[in-house]
Amino acid sequence: MASSHGWLGVAAGILFYVCRGFTSVILQDALNWRLPSSFRATGNSIKSLMFRLSFGVVGPVMGFAIERTSLNMALAMIGMSFTLLLVVLMLPLCRRVEELKLDYIPEGA
């Protein structure tokens, strides 16, 4: 989005929110299946708190970056940061989840 203009940027923004919506549903479902019912509300609450805290950290950092550089540069920097986080955190986590799925034996089976 940082380097695109016009309708391409709008399309990228819409695609971002569509992907975010699907991901939120998938992650929420995965969390709810893995938590016992007695801790489900607490787990969902902590997840929501962490999500909001990340906005509290990223927002001022983005504002500072925009003031120091430009909007395009700040968006490019945050895009690269999130891509790095995807590679460093999410891909190993996804691999680990797949390993756990292979080891999982449902109750009563």
N, C-alpha and C. Protein backbone atom coordinates (compact mmCIF):
# COMPACT_ATOMS: atom_id res chain seq x y z
N MET A 1 0.81 -1.18 0.00
CA MET A 1 0.00 0.00 0.00
C MET A 1 0.86 1.25 0.00
N ALA A 2 2.03 1.16 0.61
CA ALA A 2 2.86 2.35 0.74
C ALA A 2 3.35 2.85 -0.61
N SER A 3 3.57 1.96 -1.54
CA SER A 3 4.12 2.39 -2.83
C SER A 3 3.07 2.45 -3.93
N SER A 4 1.83 2.12 -3.62
CA SER A 4 0.80 2.12 -4.65
C SER A 4 -0.02 3.40 -4.59
N HIS A 5 -0.66 3.71 -5.70
CA HIS A 5 -1.45 4.92 -5.80
C HIS A 5 -2.85 4.59 -6.29
N GLY A 6 -3.80 5.42 -5.94
CA GLY A 6 -5.15 5.29 -6.47
C GLY A 6 -5.85 4.03 -6.06
N TRP A 7 -6.52 3.42 -7.04
CA TRP A 7 -7.36 2.25 -6.78
C TRP A 7 -6.57 1.03 -6.33
N LEU A 8 -5.32 0.94 -6.73
CA LEU A 8 -4.49 -0.19 -6.28
C LEU A 8 -4.31 -0.15 -4.77
N GLY A 9 -4.09 1.03 -4.22
CA GLY A 9 -3.97 1.18 -2.77
C GLY A 9 -5.27 0.87 -2.05
N VAL A 10 -6.39 1.29 -2.64
CA VAL A 10 -7.70 0.99 -2.06
C VAL A 10 -7.94 -0.52 -2.07
N ALA A 11 -7.62 -1.17 -3.18
CA ALA A 11 -7.79 -2.62 -3.28
C ALA A 11 -6.91 -3.35 -2.26
N ALA A 12 -5.68 -2.87 -2.08
CA ALA A 12 -4.78 -3.49 -1.09
C ALA A 12 -5.34 -3.31 0.32
N GLY A 13 -5.90 -2.13 0.61
CA GLY A 13 -6.50 -1.90 1.92
C GLY A 13 -7.69 -2.80 2.17
N ILE A 14 -8.55 -2.96 1.18
CA ILE A 14 -9.71 -3.84 1.32
C ILE A 14 -9.26 -5.28 1.49
N LEU A 15 -8.28 -5.72 0.71
CA LEU A 15 -7.75 -7.07 0.83
C LEU A 15 -7.17 -7.33 2.22
N PHE A 16 -6.51 -6.32 2.76
CA PHE A 16 -5.95 -6.44 4.11
C PHE A 16 -7.05 -6.76 5.12
N TYR A 17 -8.14 -6.01 5.09
CA TYR A 17 -9.21 -6.21 6.06
C TYR A 17 -9.97 -7.51 5.83
N VAL A 18 -10.10 -7.93 4.59
CA VAL A 18 -10.74 -9.22 4.31
C VAL A 18 -9.88 -10.35 4.90
N CYS A 19 -8.57 -10.29 4.65
CA CYS A 19 -7.66 -11.31 5.20
C CYS A 19 -7.66 -11.28 6.72
N ARG A 20 -7.68 -10.09 7.28
CA ARG A 20 -7.69 -9.95 8.74
C ARG A 20 -8.97 -10.56 9.31
N GLY A 21 -10.09 -10.35 8.65
CA GLY A 21 -11.35 -10.93 9.11
C GLY A 21 -11.33 -12.45 9.10
N PHE A 22 -10.85 -13.03 8.01
CA PHE A 22 -10.75 -14.49 7.95
C PHE A 22 -9.80 -15.02 9.01
N THR A 23 -8.65 -14.37 9.15
CA THR A 23 -7.66 -14.82 10.12
C THR A 23 -8.20 -14.73 11.54
N SER A 24 -8.92 -13.66 11.84
CA SER A 24 -9.49 -13.51 13.18
C SER A 24 -10.44 -14.65 13.52
N VAL A 25 -11.27 -15.03 12.57
CA VAL A 25 -12.21 -16.12 12.80
C VAL A 25 -11.47 -17.43 13.00
N ILE A 26 -10.47 -17.69 12.19
CA ILE A 26 -9.71 -18.93 12.29
C ILE A 26 -8.97 -19.00 13.62
N LEU A 27 -8.30 -17.90 13.99
CA LEU A 27 -7.55 -17.89 15.26
C LEU A 27 -8.48 -17.98 16.46
N GLN A 28 -9.62 -17.31 16.41
CA GLN A 28 -10.59 -17.38 17.51
C GLN A 28 -11.10 -18.80 17.68
N ASP A 29 -11.41 -19.45 16.57
CA ASP A 29 -11.89 -20.83 16.63
C ASP A 29 -10.81 -21.76 17.20
N ALA A 30 -9.57 -21.57 16.74
CA ALA A 30 -8.47 -22.41 17.24
C ALA A 30 -8.25 -22.20 18.73
N LEU A 31 -8.33 -20.96 19.18
CA LEU A 31 -8.16 -20.67 20.60
C LEU A 31 -9.28 -21.31 21.42
N ASN A 32 -10.50 -21.16 20.96
CA ASN A 32 -11.64 -21.69 21.71
C ASN A 32 -11.64 -23.22 21.79
N TRP A 33 -11.15 -23.89 20.75
CA TRP A 33 -11.09 -25.35 20.78
C TRP A 33 -10.01 -25.85 21.74
N ARG A 34 -8.96 -25.05 21.92
CA ARG A 34 -7.83 -25.51 22.74
C ARG A 34 -7.97 -25.15 24.22
N LEU A 35 -8.85 -24.22 24.54
CA LEU A 35 -9.00 -23.80 25.93
C LEU A 35 -10.15 -24.55 26.59
N PRO A 36 -9.94 -24.99 27.82
CA PRO A 36 -11.07 -25.58 28.54
C PRO A 36 -12.13 -24.50 28.80
N SER A 37 -13.37 -24.90 28.89
CA SER A 37 -14.46 -23.92 29.02
C SER A 37 -14.30 -23.04 30.26
N SER A 38 -13.68 -23.55 31.30
CA SER A 38 -13.52 -22.76 32.52
C SER A 38 -12.52 -21.60 32.34
N PHE A 39 -11.65 -21.68 31.35
CA PHE A 39 -10.66 -20.62 31.12
C PHE A 39 -10.90 -19.87 29.80
N ARG A 40 -11.93 -20.23 29.07
CA ARG A 40 -12.15 -19.66 27.74
C ARG A 40 -12.35 -18.15 27.78
N ALA A 41 -13.16 -17.66 28.70
CA ALA A 41 -13.41 -16.21 28.78
C ALA A 41 -12.11 -15.46 29.13
N THR A 42 -11.32 -16.02 30.04
CA THR A 42 -10.06 -15.39 30.41
C THR A 42 -9.09 -15.39 29.24
N GLY A 43 -8.99 -16.50 28.53
CA GLY A 43 -8.10 -16.57 27.37
C GLY A 43 -8.49 -15.58 26.29
N ASN A 44 -9.79 -15.48 26.01
CA ASN A 44 -10.26 -14.52 25.01
C ASN A 44 -10.01 -13.09 25.46
N SER A 45 -10.18 -12.85 26.73
CA SER A 45 -9.94 -11.51 27.27
C SER A 45 -8.46 -11.12 27.17
N ILE A 46 -7.58 -12.04 27.49
CA ILE A 46 -6.14 -11.78 27.39
C ILE A 46 -5.73 -11.56 25.94
N LYS A 47 -6.29 -12.36 25.03
CA LYS A 47 -6.00 -12.18 23.61
C LYS A 47 -6.42 -10.79 23.14
N SER A 48 -7.59 -10.37 23.56
CA SER A 48 -8.09 -9.05 23.18
C SER A 48 -7.22 -7.95 23.79
N LEU A 49 -6.80 -8.12 25.03
CA LEU A 49 -5.93 -7.15 25.68
C LEU A 49 -4.60 -7.01 24.94
N MET A 50 -4.00 -8.14 24.55
CA MET A 50 -2.73 -8.10 23.83
C MET A 50 -2.88 -7.41 22.47
N PHE A 51 -4.01 -7.65 21.81
CA PHE A 51 -4.28 -7.01 20.52
C PHE A 51 -4.37 -5.50 20.70
N ARG A 52 -5.09 -5.05 21.72
CA ARG A 52 -5.23 -3.61 21.97
C ARG A 52 -3.91 -2.99 22.42
N LEU A 53 -3.15 -3.70 23.22
CA LEU A 53 -1.84 -3.19 23.63
C LEU A 53 -0.91 -3.01 22.43
N SER A 54 -1.01 -3.93 21.48
CA SER A 54 -0.17 -3.79 20.28
C SER A 54 -0.55 -2.52 19.51
N PHE A 55 -1.83 -2.18 19.47
CA PHE A 55 -2.24 -0.92 18.85
C PHE A 55 -1.68 0.26 19.65
N GLY A 56 -1.67 0.15 20.97
CA GLY A 56 -1.13 1.21 21.81
C GLY A 56 0.35 1.44 21.60
N VAL A 57 1.07 0.41 21.21
CA VAL A 57 2.50 0.55 20.94
C VAL A 57 2.75 0.99 19.51
N VAL A 58 2.07 0.35 18.56
CA VAL A 58 2.32 0.61 17.15
C VAL A 58 1.85 2.02 16.74
N GLY A 59 0.74 2.49 17.30
CA GLY A 59 0.20 3.80 16.93
C GLY A 59 1.19 4.94 17.14
N PRO A 60 1.71 5.10 18.36
CA PRO A 60 2.69 6.18 18.57
C PRO A 60 3.98 5.99 17.76
N VAL A 61 4.42 4.75 17.59
CA VAL A 61 5.62 4.51 16.79
C VAL A 61 5.37 4.94 15.34
N MET A 62 4.19 4.63 14.82
CA MET A 62 3.86 5.06 13.45
C MET A 62 3.79 6.58 13.35
N GLY A 63 3.18 7.22 14.35
CA GLY A 63 3.12 8.68 14.35
C GLY A 63 4.50 9.30 14.34
N PHE A 64 5.40 8.76 15.15
CA PHE A 64 6.78 9.24 15.20
C PHE A 64 7.47 9.04 13.86
N ALA A 65 7.28 7.85 13.27
CA ALA A 65 7.91 7.55 11.98
C ALA A 65 7.38 8.46 10.87
N ILE A 66 6.09 8.76 10.90
CA ILE A 66 5.51 9.64 9.89
C ILE A 66 6.07 11.05 10.03
N GLU A 67 6.20 11.52 11.27
CA GLU A 67 6.77 12.86 11.49
C GLU A 67 8.23 12.94 11.04
N ARG A 68 8.99 11.90 11.29
CA ARG A 68 10.43 11.91 10.97
C ARG A 68 10.70 11.67 9.48
N THR A 69 9.88 10.83 8.83
CA THR A 69 10.13 10.51 7.42
C THR A 69 8.95 11.00 6.59
N SER A 70 8.13 10.09 6.12
CA SER A 70 6.92 10.41 5.37
C SER A 70 5.93 9.27 5.58
N LEU A 71 4.70 9.50 5.17
CA LEU A 71 3.69 8.45 5.31
C LEU A 71 4.08 7.21 4.52
N ASN A 72 4.52 7.38 3.29
CA ASN A 72 4.91 6.23 2.47
C ASN A 72 6.05 5.45 3.11
N MET A 73 7.05 6.16 3.61
CA MET A 73 8.20 5.48 4.24
C MET A 73 7.76 4.76 5.52
N ALA A 74 6.91 5.39 6.32
CA ALA A 74 6.45 4.77 7.56
C ALA A 74 5.64 3.51 7.26
N LEU A 75 4.77 3.57 6.24
CA LEU A 75 4.00 2.38 5.87
C LEU A 75 4.90 1.27 5.34
N ALA A 76 5.92 1.66 4.58
CA ALA A 76 6.86 0.66 4.07
C ALA A 76 7.62 0.01 5.23
N MET A 77 8.02 0.82 6.22
CA MET A 77 8.76 0.27 7.37
C MET A 77 7.90 -0.68 8.18
N ILE A 78 6.65 -0.31 8.41
CA ILE A 78 5.79 -1.21 9.19
C ILE A 78 5.46 -2.47 8.39
N GLY A 79 5.33 -2.34 7.06
CA GLY A 79 5.11 -3.52 6.23
C GLY A 79 6.28 -4.49 6.31
N MET A 80 7.49 -3.95 6.25
CA MET A 80 8.68 -4.80 6.36
C MET A 80 8.77 -5.42 7.75
N SER A 81 8.41 -4.65 8.78
CA SER A 81 8.46 -5.17 10.15
C SER A 81 7.49 -6.32 10.33
N PHE A 82 6.26 -6.17 9.82
CA PHE A 82 5.29 -7.24 9.96
C PHE A 82 5.66 -8.46 9.12
N THR A 83 6.28 -8.23 7.99
CA THR A 83 6.75 -9.36 7.18
C THR A 83 7.84 -10.13 7.92
N LEU A 84 8.75 -9.40 8.55
CA LEU A 84 9.79 -10.04 9.36
C LEU A 84 9.19 -10.82 10.52
N LEU A 85 8.20 -10.23 11.19
CA LEU A 85 7.53 -10.93 12.29
C LEU A 85 6.83 -12.19 11.80
N LEU A 86 6.24 -12.12 10.62
CA LEU A 86 5.59 -13.29 10.05
C LEU A 86 6.59 -14.43 9.88
N VAL A 87 7.75 -14.10 9.33
CA VAL A 87 8.75 -15.13 9.07
C VAL A 87 9.34 -15.66 10.38
N VAL A 88 9.64 -14.76 11.30
CA VAL A 88 10.33 -15.15 12.54
C VAL A 88 9.39 -15.84 13.53
N LEU A 89 8.14 -15.37 13.62
CA LEU A 89 7.24 -15.90 14.65
C LEU A 89 6.17 -16.86 14.11
N MET A 90 5.47 -16.44 13.09
CA MET A 90 4.29 -17.20 12.67
C MET A 90 4.62 -18.49 11.92
N LEU A 91 5.62 -18.47 11.07
CA LEU A 91 5.92 -19.69 10.33
C LEU A 91 6.38 -20.83 11.24
N PRO A 92 7.28 -20.57 12.21
CA PRO A 92 7.61 -21.65 13.15
C PRO A 92 6.41 -22.08 13.99
N LEU A 93 5.54 -21.13 14.35
CA LEU A 93 4.35 -21.47 15.12
C LEU A 93 3.42 -22.36 14.30
N CYS A 94 3.25 -22.04 13.04
CA CYS A 94 2.40 -22.87 12.17
C CYS A 94 2.97 -24.27 12.01
N ARG A 95 4.30 -24.36 11.88
CA ARG A 95 4.93 -25.69 11.80
C ARG A 95 4.69 -26.48 13.07
N ARG A 96 4.80 -25.82 14.21
CA ARG A 96 4.60 -26.49 15.51
C ARG A 96 3.15 -26.96 15.65
N VAL A 97 2.21 -26.16 15.22
CA VAL A 97 0.80 -26.55 15.28
C VAL A 97 0.56 -27.79 14.42
N GLU A 98 1.16 -27.83 13.25
CA GLU A 98 1.01 -29.01 12.39
C GLU A 98 1.60 -30.24 13.05
N GLU A 99 2.74 -30.09 13.73
CA GLU A 99 3.34 -31.22 14.44
C GLU A 99 2.42 -31.70 15.55
N LEU A 100 1.82 -30.76 16.28
CA LEU A 100 0.91 -31.13 17.36
C LEU A 100 -0.33 -31.83 16.83
N LYS A 101 -0.81 -31.41 15.65
CA LYS A 101 -1.97 -32.06 15.05
C LYS A 101 -1.66 -33.52 14.75
N LEU A 102 -0.45 -33.81 14.31
CA LEU A 102 -0.07 -35.19 13.99
C LEU A 102 0.01 -36.04 15.25
N ASP A 103 0.39 -35.43 16.38
CA ASP A 103 0.52 -36.15 17.64
C ASP A 103 -0.78 -36.26 18.41
N TYR A 104 -1.80 -35.50 18.01
CA TYR A 104 -3.04 -35.41 18.77
C TYR A 104 -3.90 -36.64 18.55
N ILE A 105 -4.33 -37.23 19.64
CA ILE A 105 -5.25 -38.36 19.60
C ILE A 105 -6.50 -37.93 20.35
N PRO A 106 -7.65 -37.83 19.67
CA PRO A 106 -8.87 -37.36 20.32
C PRO A 106 -9.28 -38.29 21.46
N GLU A 107 -9.96 -37.72 22.47
CA GLU A 107 -10.45 -38.53 23.59
C GLU A 107 -11.46 -39.54 23.09
N GLY A 108 -11.39 -40.73 23.62
CA GLY A 108 -12.33 -41.77 23.24
C GLY A 108 -11.93 -42.52 21.98
N ALA A 109 -10.78 -42.17 21.41
CA ALA A 109 -10.37 -42.86 20.18
C ALA A 109 -9.44 -44.00 20.50
